[in-house]
């Protein structure tokens, strides 16, 4: 996750199989970028993923963002 100009945040992750960076998206909030990273980290690394937020808070975040 990196801060971009104009208060935007870029989320990307390294694909361990293809050994390249995968662009996830740009976001207005750092929390949303971090959540996107966490989702991708769990997909690529399953239970070994190092995430920014605990998994039990994931459901609460998705409920808030879908409103």
Protein backbone atom coordinates (compact mmCIF):
# COMPACT_ATOMS: atom_id res chain seq x y z
CA UNK A 1 0.00 0.00 0.00
CA UNK A 2 1.38 3.41 -0.97
CA UNK A 3 0.12 6.95 -0.64
CA UNK A 4 -0.47 8.56 -4.02
CA UNK A 5 -0.99 12.23 -4.92
CA UNK A 6 -4.33 13.85 -4.12
CA UNK A 7 -4.98 11.79 -0.98
CA UNK A 8 -5.34 8.45 -2.76
CA UNK A 9 -3.85 5.12 -1.76
CA UNK A 10 -2.60 2.40 -4.09
CA UNK A 11 -2.89 -1.25 -3.07
CA UNK A 12 -0.78 -3.93 -4.71
CA UNK A 13 0.66 -7.31 -3.75
CA UNK A 14 3.43 -9.54 -5.03
CA UNK A 15 2.19 -12.71 -6.75
CA UNK A 16 4.42 -15.48 -5.33
CA UNK A 17 3.90 -17.82 -8.30
CA UNK A 18 4.42 -15.44 -11.21
CA UNK A 19 6.80 -13.20 -9.22
CA UNK A 20 5.21 -9.96 -10.31
CA UNK A 21 3.32 -7.15 -8.67
CA UNK A 22 -0.48 -7.31 -8.96
CA UNK A 23 -2.30 -3.98 -8.87
CA UNK A 24 -5.42 -4.20 -6.71
CA UNK A 25 -6.86 -0.68 -7.05
CA UNK A 26 -6.60 2.89 -5.78
CA UNK A 27 -8.70 4.00 -2.84
CA UNK A 28 -9.73 7.23 -1.10
CA UNK A 29 -8.99 5.82 2.36
CA UNK A 30 -5.94 3.99 3.64
CA UNK A 31 -8.16 1.52 5.52
CA UNK A 32 -9.87 0.44 2.30
CA UNK A 33 -6.51 -0.09 0.60
CA UNK A 34 -5.29 -2.13 3.56
CA UNK A 35 -8.46 -4.25 3.51
CA UNK A 36 -7.98 -4.93 -0.20
CA UNK A 37 -4.40 -5.98 0.52
CA UNK A 38 -5.57 -8.29 3.32
CA UNK A 39 -8.11 -9.97 1.04
CA UNK A 40 -5.49 -10.56 -1.64
CA UNK A 41 -2.93 -11.75 0.93
CA UNK A 42 -5.38 -14.36 2.21
CA UNK A 43 -6.06 -15.49 -1.36
CA UNK A 44 -2.37 -15.82 -2.27
CA UNK A 45 -0.97 -17.04 1.06
CA UNK A 46 -4.00 -18.63 2.83
CA UNK A 47 -3.32 -19.24 6.53
CA UNK A 48 0.27 -17.95 6.26
CA UNK A 49 -0.85 -14.47 5.20
CA UNK A 50 0.53 -11.50 7.09
CA UNK A 51 -2.35 -9.03 7.26
CA UNK A 52 -2.91 -5.53 8.55
CA UNK A 53 -6.20 -6.36 10.33
CA UNK A 54 -7.34 -9.47 12.23
CA UNK A 55 -9.69 -11.69 10.24
CA UNK A 56 -12.54 -11.48 12.77
CA UNK A 57 -12.96 -7.77 11.91
CA UNK A 58 -13.33 -8.58 8.20
CA UNK A 59 -17.08 -9.31 8.37
CA UNK A 60 -17.77 -6.01 10.19
CA UNK A 61 -15.86 -4.05 7.54
CA UNK A 62 -17.75 -5.65 4.63
CA UNK A 63 -21.09 -4.96 6.34
CA UNK A 64 -20.17 -1.29 6.80
CA UNK A 65 -18.88 -0.80 3.25
CA UNK A 66 -21.93 -2.40 1.62
CA UNK A 67 -24.33 0.10 3.22
